[in-house]
Amino acid sequence: MPHRHPLDNPVRSALTGPHAHFAEPYGRLLRYPPEVSGWLALPDEPDGPVDADWADAAALAGPGGFLSLAGFSVPPPEEWEVTFHAEGVQLVGAGMATAPDEEAVRLGPADVPEMLDLVERTRPGPFMVRTVEMGTYLGIRRGGVLIAMAGERMRPPGWSEISAVCTDPAFRGQGLAARLVLAVADGIRARGEEPFLHAAADNTNAIRLYESLGFRLRATPTFLGLRVPA
């Protein structure tokens, strides 16, 4: 099989690389602990025993359970329900200019309740009670209140995904998201890695922002949410 880029199957690349300590194996499958991330990684080989992989995925989630897949091209069995199907973009920031931010503070487990509240109000994407353990998260506070944040999610070898980029609606338009993305990217670059991120293909405002910061389109993955037949 030809060599694949680590970002072609980023969940599996991360769970067999820098995030191996999170990996929960089941047959040929790998997943994050559900309280860390909802992503499931199927094998790279589309011509492998796919039926057995889907059977393992069903056993892992249980009857009526949910699974999330990123960038996997083999269709699920017909009896599985697709709960969401989103076309996305994968943007890479190799060579982009980055910068630290003096106002940004490191966020940790003690900040999770505030982070979850901000995520609930802004809906940047999945964020669980232990997602903060996946990498560095930075936030900006005003009056002691967390109003913006961004951090790291999947970490394929040589890369780190910027995720959970969100700003309280009352503070939008001040460039906070851009500053935090550049600051998180600066930390990634300091480790000798390169930043990348995902966005919904129809989120033109976010894509325009990321491109203005130096990110460039690499791929157009599909994101699937699936429910196992009950």
Foldseek 3Di string as FASTA:
>chain_A
DDDDDCVLFQQVLQCVPVVVVQWDDFVQKTDGPVQQDQAIGHDPDPPPPVVVVLVRVCVVQDAQGKGKYKQDDDDHDPVKDWPDKFKKFKWWQVPFAFDADPQKDWDDLVCQVLLVVQCVQWVQDDDGSNNCVQFTKIFGDDPNHTFWIKEWGGDRVQETEIGSGGGHPVPPPPCPSVNRVRNRQVVQVVVRHIYMYMDGPPPVVVVVSVVVRRIDTDDIGMMTMITHHD
